Amino acid sequence: MAGSSSLAILYVAAHANPMSRTFVQAASGVIVGLFLQPSTSGIVALVTGALSLSALPRRSFIGGVALFALGAAAGVAAMILTSMTLARC
């Protein structure tokens, strides 16, 4: 999940336009959500997401923030689902 999100970010970095910069916020959010604990990856992804949000045009900013939040929620959910150990009965 983190790898595919990183590839999406790299693709948009090479082919940037306002629409793709808005939608790539979801991928940034996924990486932030996956590495939410204090780690270098999470901090770098958070800074990258904040910088790319600040580069969005004014009309795309709200959509970018919403997509970033959805991506972060998906990343946190994936982290929780993959790190939980099932109770043995």
PDB file of N, CA and C in Angstrom:
ATOM      1  N   MET A   1       0.823  -1.183   0.000  1.00  0.00           N
ATOM      2  CA  MET A   1       0.000   0.000   0.000  1.00  0.00           C
ATOM      3  C   MET A   1       0.873   1.254   0.000  1.00  0.00           C
ATOM      4  N   ALA A   2       1.910   1.237   0.824  1.00  0.00           N
ATOM      5  CA  ALA A   2       2.826   2.379   0.859  1.00  0.00           C
ATOM      6  C   ALA A   2       3.599   2.491  -0.456  1.00  0.00           C
ATOM      7  N   GLY A   3       3.969   1.342  -1.026  1.00  0.00           N
ATOM      8  CA  GLY A   3       4.704   1.362  -2.297  1.00  0.00           C
ATOM      9  C   GLY A   3       3.879   1.919  -3.435  1.00  0.00           C
ATOM     10  N   SER A   4       2.623   1.507  -3.527  1.00  0.00           N
ATOM     11  CA  SER A   4       1.779   2.020  -4.605  1.00  0.00           C
ATOM     12  C   SER A   4       1.479   3.499  -4.395  1.00  0.00           C
ATOM     13  N   SER A   5       1.337   3.929  -3.151  1.00  0.00           N
ATOM     14  CA  SER A   5       1.134   5.355  -2.886  1.00  0.00           C
ATOM     15  C   SER A   5       2.368   6.160  -3.264  1.00  0.00           C
ATOM     16  N   SER A   6       3.543   5.609  -2.966  1.00  0.00           N
ATOM     17  CA  SER A   6       4.787   6.297  -3.335  1.00  0.00           C
ATOM     18  C   SER A   6       4.937   6.395  -4.847  1.00  0.00           C
ATOM     19  N   LEU A   7       4.563   5.322  -5.554  1.00  0.00           N
ATOM     20  CA  LEU A   7       4.632   5.368  -7.019  1.00  0.00           C
ATOM     21  C   LEU A   7       3.677   6.410  -7.591  1.00  0.00           C
ATOM     22  N   ALA A   8       2.499   6.531  -6.995  1.00  0.00           N
ATOM     23  CA  ALA A   8       1.547   7.557  -7.446  1.00  0.00           C
ATOM     24  C   ALA A   8       2.114   8.948  -7.230  1.00  0.00           C
ATOM     25  N   ILE A   9       2.771   9.159  -6.102  1.00  0.00           N
ATOM     26  CA  ILE A   9       3.374  10.465  -5.816  1.00  0.00           C
ATOM     27  C   ILE A   9       4.497  10.756  -6.803  1.00  0.00           C
ATOM     28  N   LEU A  10       5.323   9.760  -7.090  1.00  0.00           N
ATOM     29  CA  LEU A  10       6.411   9.963  -8.052  1.00  0.00           C
ATOM     30  C   LEU A  10       5.880  10.250  -9.446  1.00  0.00           C
ATOM     31  N   TYR A  11       4.809   9.577  -9.848  1.00  0.00           N
ATOM     32  CA  TYR A  11       4.219   9.825 -11.162  1.00  0.00           C
ATOM     33  C   TYR A  11       3.707  11.257 -11.259  1.00  0.00           C
ATOM     34  N   VAL A  12       3.032  11.719 -10.216  1.00  0.00           N
ATOM     35  CA  VAL A  12       2.512  13.086 -10.239  1.00  0.00           C
ATOM     36  C   VAL A  12       3.651  14.098 -10.202  1.00  0.00           C
ATOM     37  N   ALA A  13       4.735  13.765  -9.517  1.00  0.00           N
ATOM     38  CA  ALA A  13       5.880  14.674  -9.502  1.00  0.00           C
ATOM     39  C   ALA A  13       6.460  14.845 -10.900  1.00  0.00           C
ATOM     40  N   ALA A  14       6.406  13.794 -11.706  1.00  0.00           N
ATOM     41  CA  ALA A  14       6.930  13.876 -13.068  1.00  0.00           C
ATOM     42  C   ALA A  14       5.928  14.482 -14.045  1.00  0.00           C
ATOM     43  N   HIS A  15       4.626  14.341 -13.778  1.00  0.00           N
ATOM     44  CA  HIS A  15       3.577  14.825 -14.684  1.00  0.00           C
ATOM     45  C   HIS A  15       2.614  15.707 -13.912  1.00  0.00           C
ATOM     46  N   ALA A  16       3.109  16.794 -13.374  1.00  0.00           N
ATOM     47  CA  ALA A  16       2.296  17.618 -12.482  1.00  0.00           C
ATOM     48  C   ALA A  16       1.321  18.502 -13.253  1.00  0.00           C
ATOM     49  N   ASN A  17       0.077  18.480 -12.800  1.00  0.00           N
ATOM     50  CA  ASN A  17      -0.928  19.448 -13.211  1.00  0.00           C
ATOM     51  C   ASN A  17      -1.835  19.654 -12.000  1.00  0.00           C
ATOM     52  N   PRO A  18      -2.636  20.718 -11.969  1.00  0.00           N
ATOM     53  CA  PRO A  18      -3.428  20.994 -10.761  1.00  0.00           C
ATOM     54  C   PRO A  18      -4.357  19.857 -10.356  1.00  0.00           C
ATOM     55  N   MET A  19      -4.948  19.165 -11.318  1.00  0.00           N
ATOM     56  CA  MET A  19      -5.871  18.082 -10.980  1.00  0.00           C
ATOM     57  C   MET A  19      -5.135  16.915 -10.327  1.00  0.00           C
ATOM     58  N   SER A  20      -3.991  16.518 -10.878  1.00  0.00           N
ATOM     59  CA  SER A  20      -3.253  15.390 -10.307  1.00  0.00           C
ATOM     60  C   SER A  20      -2.662  15.743  -8.954  1.00  0.00           C
ATOM     61  N   ARG A  21      -2.254  17.013  -8.768  1.00  0.00           N
ATOM     62  CA  ARG A  21      -1.731  17.418  -7.459  1.00  0.00           C
ATOM     63  C   ARG A  21      -2.816  17.372  -6.394  1.00  0.00           C
ATOM     64  N   THR A  22      -4.050  17.592  -6.780  1.00  0.00           N
ATOM     65  CA  THR A  22      -5.152  17.499  -5.821  1.00  0.00           C
ATOM     66  C   THR A  22      -5.401  16.047  -5.435  1.00  0.00           C
ATOM     67  N   PHE A  23      -5.445  15.160  -6.429  1.00  0.00           N
ATOM     68  CA  PHE A  23      -5.766  13.761  -6.148  1.00  0.00           C
ATOM     69  C   PHE A  23      -4.627  13.003  -5.485  1.00  0.00           C
ATOM     70  N   VAL A  24      -3.400  13.460  -5.641  1.00  0.00           N
ATOM     71  CA  VAL A  24      -2.276  12.755  -5.022  1.00  0.00           C
ATOM     72  C   VAL A  24      -2.248  12.971  -3.509  1.00  0.00           C
ATOM     73  N   GLN A  25      -3.051  13.893  -3.011  1.00  0.00           N
ATOM     74  CA  GLN A  25      -3.111  14.102  -1.569  1.00  0.00           C
ATOM     75  C   GLN A  25      -3.592  12.850  -0.846  1.00  0.00           C
ATOM     76  N   ALA A  26      -4.443  12.079  -1.488  1.00  0.00           N
ATOM     77  CA  ALA A  26      -4.896  10.828  -0.873  1.00  0.00           C
ATOM     78  C   ALA A  26      -3.722   9.874  -0.667  1.00  0.00           C
ATOM     79  N   ALA A  27      -2.829   9.793  -1.638  1.00  0.00           N
ATOM     80  CA  ALA A  27      -1.657   8.923  -1.507  1.00  0.00           C
ATOM     81  C   ALA A  27      -0.733   9.418  -0.399  1.00  0.00           C
ATOM     82  N   SER A  28      -0.557  10.731  -0.294  1.00  0.00           N
ATOM     83  CA  SER A  28       0.257  11.281   0.795  1.00  0.00           C
ATOM     84  C   SER A  28      -0.366  10.960   2.135  1.00  0.00           C
ATOM     85  N   GLY A  29      -1.685  11.069   2.209  1.00  0.00           N
ATOM     86  CA  GLY A  29      -2.373  10.762   3.455  1.00  0.00           C
ATOM     87  C   GLY A  29      -2.229   9.311   3.860  1.00  0.00           C
ATOM     88  N   VAL A  30      -2.250   8.407   2.888  1.00  0.00           N
ATOM     89  CA  VAL A  30      -2.082   6.982   3.187  1.00  0.00           C
ATOM     90  C   VAL A  30      -0.717   6.732   3.814  1.00  0.00           C
ATOM     91  N   ILE A  31       0.307   7.337   3.266  1.00  0.00           N
ATOM     92  CA  ILE A  31       1.652   7.136   3.810  1.00  0.00           C
ATOM     93  C   ILE A  31       1.745   7.722   5.220  1.00  0.00           C
ATOM     94  N   VAL A  32       1.158   8.904   5.420  1.00  0.00           N
ATOM     95  CA  VAL A  32       1.165   9.497   6.757  1.00  0.00           C
ATOM     96  C   VAL A  32       0.408   8.597   7.730  1.00  0.00           C
ATOM     97  N   GLY A  33      -0.743   8.070   7.305  1.00  0.00           N
ATOM     98  CA  GLY A  33      -1.520   7.200   8.179  1.00  0.00           C
ATOM     99  C   GLY A  33      -0.815   5.905   8.518  1.00  0.00           C
ATOM    100  N   LEU A  34      -0.108   5.333   7.548  1.00  0.00           N
ATOM    101  CA  LEU A  34       0.603   4.075   7.790  1.00  0.00           C
ATOM    102  C   LEU A  34       1.762   4.255   8.759  1.00  0.00           C
ATOM    103  N   PHE A  35       2.425   5.375   8.671  1.00  0.00           N
ATOM    104  CA  PHE A  35       3.611   5.603   9.494  1.00  0.00           C
ATOM    105  C   PHE A  35       3.356   6.729  10.482  1.00  0.00           C
ATOM    106  N   LEU A  36       2.185   6.676  11.147  1.00  0.00           N
ATOM    107  CA  LEU A  36       1.777   7.762  12.025  1.00  0.00           C
ATOM    108  C   LEU A  36       2.613   7.838  13.294  1.00  0.00           C
ATOM    109  N   GLN A  37       3.108   6.708  13.752  1.00  0.00           N
ATOM    110  CA  GLN A  37       3.939   6.748  14.946  1.00  0.00           C
ATOM    111  C   GLN A  37       5.179   7.590  14.645  1.00  0.00           C
ATOM    112  N   PRO A  38       5.813   8.115  15.668  1.00  0.00           N
ATOM    113  CA  PRO A  38       6.974   8.979  15.412  1.00  0.00           C
ATOM    114  C   PRO A  38       8.073   8.223  14.679  1.00  0.00           C
ATOM    115  N   SER A  39       8.143   8.444  13.415  1.00  0.00           N
ATOM    116  CA  SER A  39       9.192   7.824  12.611  1.00  0.00           C
ATOM    117  C   SER A  39       9.590   8.812  11.533  1.00  0.00           C
ATOM    118  N   THR A  40      10.749   8.593  10.980  1.00  0.00           N
ATOM    119  CA  THR A  40      11.231   9.490   9.940  1.00  0.00           C
ATOM    120  C   THR A  40      10.326   9.460   8.728  1.00  0.00           C
ATOM    121  N   SER A  41       9.817   8.288   8.358  1.00  0.00           N
ATOM    122  CA  SER A  41       8.940   8.181   7.185  1.00  0.00           C
ATOM    123  C   SER A  41       7.666   8.986   7.366  1.00  0.00           C
ATOM    124  N   GLY A  42       7.077   8.910   8.540  1.00  0.00           N
ATOM    125  CA  GLY A  42       5.852   9.644   8.806  1.00  0.00           C
ATOM    126  C   GLY A  42       6.067  11.146   8.797  1.00  0.00           C
ATOM    127  N   ILE A  43       7.174  11.584   9.373  1.00  0.00           N
ATOM    128  CA  ILE A  43       7.464  13.012   9.417  1.00  0.00           C
ATOM    129  C   ILE A  43       7.737  13.545   8.016  1.00  0.00           C
ATOM    130  N   VAL A  44       8.510  12.807   7.226  1.00  0.00           N
ATOM    131  CA  VAL A  44       8.806  13.230   5.853  1.00  0.00           C
ATOM    132  C   VAL A  44       7.532  13.272   5.024  1.00  0.00           C
ATOM    133  N   ALA A  45       6.672  12.260   5.172  1.00  0.00           N
ATOM    134  CA  ALA A  45       5.416  12.245   4.421  1.00  0.00           C
ATOM    135  C   ALA A  45       4.506  13.383   4.850  1.00  0.00           C
ATOM    136  N   LEU A  46       4.483  13.691   6.131  1.00  0.00           N
ATOM    137  CA  LEU A  46       3.656  14.793   6.624  1.00  0.00           C
ATOM    138  C   LEU A  46       4.146  16.130   6.076  1.00  0.00           C
ATOM    139  N   VAL A  47       5.445  16.356   6.091  1.00  0.00           N
ATOM    140  CA  VAL A  47       6.008  17.599   5.545  1.00  0.00           C
ATOM    141  C   VAL A  47       5.757  17.680   4.042  1.00  0.00           C
ATOM    142  N   THR A  48       5.938  16.561   3.342  1.00  0.00           N
ATOM    143  CA  THR A  48       5.693  16.538   1.901  1.00  0.00           C
ATOM    144  C   THR A  48       4.233  16.839   1.590  1.00  0.00           C
ATOM    145  N   GLY A  49       3.328  16.245   2.357  1.00  0.00           N
ATOM    146  CA  GLY A  49       1.903  16.511   2.163  1.00  0.00           C
ATOM    147  C   GLY A  49       1.560  17.965   2.413  1.00  0.00           C
ATOM    148  N   ALA A  50       2.126  18.539   3.477  1.00  0.00           N
ATOM    149  CA  ALA A  50       1.857  19.949   3.785  1.00  0.00           C
ATOM    150  C   ALA A  50       2.395  20.871   2.694  1.00  0.00           C
ATOM    151  N   LEU A  51       3.577  20.570   2.199  1.00  0.00           N
ATOM    152  CA  LEU A  51       4.144  21.408   1.131  1.00  0.00           C
ATOM    153  C   LEU A  51       3.361  21.296  -0.165  1.00  0.00           C
ATOM    154  N   SER A  52       2.920  20.086  -0.498  1.00  0.00           N
ATOM    155  CA  SER A  52       2.153  19.947  -1.731  1.00  0.00           C
ATOM    156  C   SER A  52       0.756  20.540  -1.584  1.00  0.00           C
ATOM    157  N   LEU A  53       0.186  20.515  -0.379  1.00  0.00           N
ATOM    158  CA  LEU A  53      -1.090  21.184  -0.159  1.00  0.00           C
ATOM    159  C   LEU A  53      -0.949  22.694  -0.326  1.00  0.00           C
ATOM    160  N   SER A  54       0.161  23.240   0.148  1.00  0.00           N
ATOM    161  CA  SER A  54       0.350  24.685   0.025  1.00  0.00           C
ATOM    162  C   SER A  54       0.569  25.112  -1.418  1.00  0.00           C
ATOM    163  N   ALA A  55       0.980  24.182  -2.280  1.00  0.00           N
ATOM    164  CA  ALA A  55       1.203  24.508  -3.689  1.00  0.00           C
ATOM    165  C   ALA A  55      -0.068  24.426  -4.523  1.00  0.00           C
ATOM    166  N   LEU A  56      -1.163  23.918  -3.924  1.00  0.00           N
ATOM    167  CA  LEU A  56      -2.415  23.786  -4.674  1.00  0.00           C
ATOM    168  C   LEU A  56      -3.065  25.146  -4.896  1.00  0.00           C
ATOM    169  N   PRO A  57      -3.781  25.284  -6.000  1.00  0.00           N
ATOM    170  CA  PRO A  57      -4.556  26.509  -6.193  1.00  0.00           C
ATOM    171  C   PRO A  57      -5.641  26.602  -5.122  1.00  0.00           C
ATOM    172  N   ARG A  58      -6.121  27.807  -4.879  1.00  0.00           N
ATOM    173  CA  ARG A  58      -7.091  28.054  -3.810  1.00  0.00           C
ATOM    174  C   ARG A  58      -8.352  27.203  -3.950  1.00  0.00           C
ATOM    175  N   ARG A  59      -8.848  27.034  -5.169  1.00  0.00           N
ATOM    176  CA  ARG A  59     -10.091  26.285  -5.350  1.00  0.00           C
ATOM    177  C   ARG A  59      -9.904  24.782  -5.164  1.00  0.00           C
ATOM    178  N   SER A  60      -8.688  24.282  -5.258  1.00  0.00           N
ATOM    179  CA  SER A  60      -8.424  22.855  -5.077  1.00  0.00           C
ATOM    180  C   SER A  60      -7.970  22.515  -3.664  1.00  0.00           C
ATOM    181  N   PHE A  61      -7.738  23.523  -2.847  1.00  0.00           N
ATOM    182  CA  PHE A  61      -7.162  23.298  -1.524  1.00  0.00           C
ATOM    183  C   PHE A  61      -8.103  22.480  -0.632  1.00  0.00           C
ATOM    184  N   ILE A  62      -9.381  22.825  -0.602  1.00  0.00           N
ATOM    185  CA  ILE A  62     -10.336  22.111   0.252  1.00  0.00           C
ATOM    186  C   ILE A  62     -10.442  20.648  -0.171  1.00  0.00           C
ATOM    187  N   GLY A  63     -10.525  20.398  -1.474  1.00  0.00           N
ATOM    188  CA  GLY A  63     -10.558  19.027  -1.968  1.00  0.00           C
ATOM    189  C   GLY A  63      -9.289  18.265  -1.623  1.00  0.00           C
ATOM    190  N   GLY A  64      -8.150  18.943  -1.707  1.00  0.00           N
ATOM    191  CA  GLY A  64      -6.884  18.314  -1.350  1.00  0.00           C
ATOM    192  C   GLY A  64      -6.816  17.957   0.120  1.00  0.00           C
ATOM    193  N   VAL A  65      -7.313  18.838   0.978  1.00  0.00           N
ATOM    194  CA  VAL A  65      -7.321  18.558   2.415  1.00  0.00           C
ATOM    195  C   VAL A  65      -8.245  17.372   2.712  1.00  0.00           C
ATOM    196  N   ALA A  66      -9.405  17.350   2.058  1.00  0.00           N
ATOM    197  CA  ALA A  66     -10.338  16.239   2.276  1.00  0.00           C
ATOM    198  C   ALA A  66      -9.738  14.918   1.812  1.00  0.00           C
ATOM    199  N   LEU A  67      -9.098  14.913   0.652  1.00  0.00           N
ATOM    200  CA  LEU A  67      -8.473  13.686   0.161  1.00  0.00           C
ATOM    201  C   LEU A  67      -7.316  13.254   1.051  1.00  0.00           C
ATOM    202  N   PHE A  68      -6.561  14.226   1.566  1.00  0.00           N
ATOM    203  CA  PHE A  68      -5.465  13.913   2.480  1.00  0.00           C
ATOM    204  C   PHE A  68      -6.011  13.250   3.742  1.00  0.00           C
ATOM    205  N   ALA A  69      -7.112  13.786   4.277  1.00  0.00           N
ATOM    206  CA  ALA A  69      -7.711  13.210   5.484  1.00  0.00           C
ATOM    207  C   ALA A  69      -8.246  11.804   5.223  1.00  0.00           C
ATOM    208  N   LEU A  70      -8.886  11.602   4.067  1.00  0.00           N
ATOM    209  CA  LEU A  70      -9.372  10.260   3.722  1.00  0.00           C
ATOM    210  C   LEU A  70      -8.222   9.277   3.569  1.00  0.00           C
ATOM    211  N   GLY A  71      -7.153   9.716   2.933  1.00  0.00           N
ATOM    212  CA  GLY A  71      -5.982   8.854   2.782  1.00  0.00           C
ATOM    213  C   GLY A  71      -5.351   8.520   4.117  1.00  0.00           C
ATOM    214  N   ALA A  72      -5.259   9.506   5.010  1.00  0.00           N
ATOM    215  CA  ALA A  72      -4.688   9.250   6.336  1.00  0.00           C
ATOM    216  C   ALA A  72      -5.555   8.273   7.114  1.00  0.00           C
ATOM    217  N   ALA A  73      -6.871   8.409   7.002  1.00  0.00           N
ATOM    218  CA  ALA A  73      -7.773   7.465   7.684  1.00  0.00           C
ATOM    219  C   ALA A  73      -7.606   6.051   7.130  1.00  0.00           C
ATOM    220  N   ALA A  74      -7.454   5.939   5.814  1.00  0.00           N
ATOM    221  CA  ALA A  74      -7.243   4.625   5.205  1.00  0.00           C
ATOM    222  C   ALA A  74      -5.909   4.030   5.647  1.00  0.00           C
ATOM    223  N   GLY A  75      -4.887   4.857   5.756  1.00  0.00           N
ATOM    224  CA  GLY A  75      -3.585   4.373   6.221  1.00  0.00           C
ATOM    225  C   GLY A  75      -3.620   3.920   7.659  1.00  0.00           C
ATOM    226  N   VAL A  76      -4.311   4.679   8.519  1.00  0.00           N
ATOM    227  CA  VAL A  76      -4.433   4.283   9.925  1.00  0.00           C
ATOM    228  C   VAL A  76      -5.222   2.982  10.036  1.00  0.00           C
ATOM    229  N   ALA A  77      -6.296   2.865   9.250  1.00  0.00           N
ATOM    230  CA  ALA A  77      -7.089   1.634   9.271  1.00  0.00           C
ATOM    231  C   ALA A  77      -6.252   0.439   8.824  1.00  0.00           C
ATOM    232  N   ALA A  78      -5.455   0.616   7.780  1.00  0.00           N
ATOM    233  CA  ALA A  78      -4.600  -0.472   7.307  1.00  0.00           C
ATOM    234  C   ALA A  78      -3.558  -0.839   8.353  1.00  0.00           C
ATOM    235  N   MET A  79      -3.005   0.174   9.023  1.00  0.00           N
ATOM    236  CA  MET A  79      -2.012  -0.097  10.056  1.00  0.00           C
ATOM    237  C   MET A  79      -2.643  -0.857  11.217  1.00  0.00           C
ATOM    238  N   ILE A  80      -3.846  -0.464  11.622  1.00  0.00           N
ATOM    239  CA  ILE A  80      -4.526  -1.136  12.728  1.00  0.00           C
ATOM    240  C   ILE A  80      -4.875  -2.577  12.344  1.00  0.00           C
ATOM    241  N   LEU A  81      -5.405  -2.753  11.133  1.00  0.00           N
ATOM    242  CA  LEU A  81      -5.822  -4.093  10.718  1.00  0.00           C
ATOM    243  C   LEU A  81      -4.649  -5.056  10.549  1.00  0.00           C
ATOM    244  N   THR A  82      -3.502  -4.540  10.157  1.00  0.00           N
ATOM    245  CA  THR A  82      -2.357  -5.428   9.939  1.00  0.00           C
ATOM    246  C   THR A  82      -1.525  -5.621  11.187  1.00  0.00           C
ATOM    247  N   SER A  83      -1.688  -4.785  12.204  1.00  0.00           N
ATOM    248  CA  SER A  83      -0.848  -4.935  13.399  1.00  0.00           C
ATOM    249  C   SER A  83      -1.581  -5.571  14.560  1.00  0.00           C
ATOM    250  N   MET A  84      -2.876  -5.801  14.418  1.00  0.00           N
ATOM    251  CA  MET A  84      -3.630  -6.420  15.511  1.00  0.00           C
ATOM    252  C   MET A  84      -3.394  -7.927  15.528  1.00  0.00           C
ATOM    253  N   THR A  85      -3.266  -8.450  16.710  1.00  0.00           N
ATOM    254  CA  THR A  85      -3.197  -9.901  16.843  1.00  0.00           C
ATOM    255  C   THR A  85      -4.559 -10.383  17.309  1.00  0.00           C
ATOM    256  N   LEU A  86      -5.043 -11.415  16.693  1.00  0.00           N
ATOM    257  CA  LEU A  86      -6.356 -11.944  17.033  1.00  0.00           C
ATOM    258  C   LEU A  86      -6.280 -12.707  18.365  1.00  0.00           C
ATOM    259  N   ALA A  87      -7.315 -12.552  19.158  1.00  0.00           N
ATOM    260  CA  ALA A  87      -7.373 -13.250  20.430  1.00  0.00           C
ATOM    261  C   ALA A  87      -7.569 -14.740  20.194  1.00  0.00           C
ATOM    262  N   ARG A  88      -6.831 -15.528  20.923  1.00  0.00           N
ATOM    263  CA  ARG A  88      -6.976 -16.985  20.770  1.00  0.00           C
ATOM    264  C   ARG A  88      -7.988 -17.485  21.776  1.00  0.00           C
ATOM    265  N   CYS A  89      -8.934 -18.223  21.285  1.00  0.00           N
ATOM    266  CA  CYS A  89      -9.990 -18.763  22.152  1.00  0.00           C
ATOM    267  C   CYS A  89      -9.689 -20.194  22.509  1.00  0.00           C
TER     268      CYS A  89
END
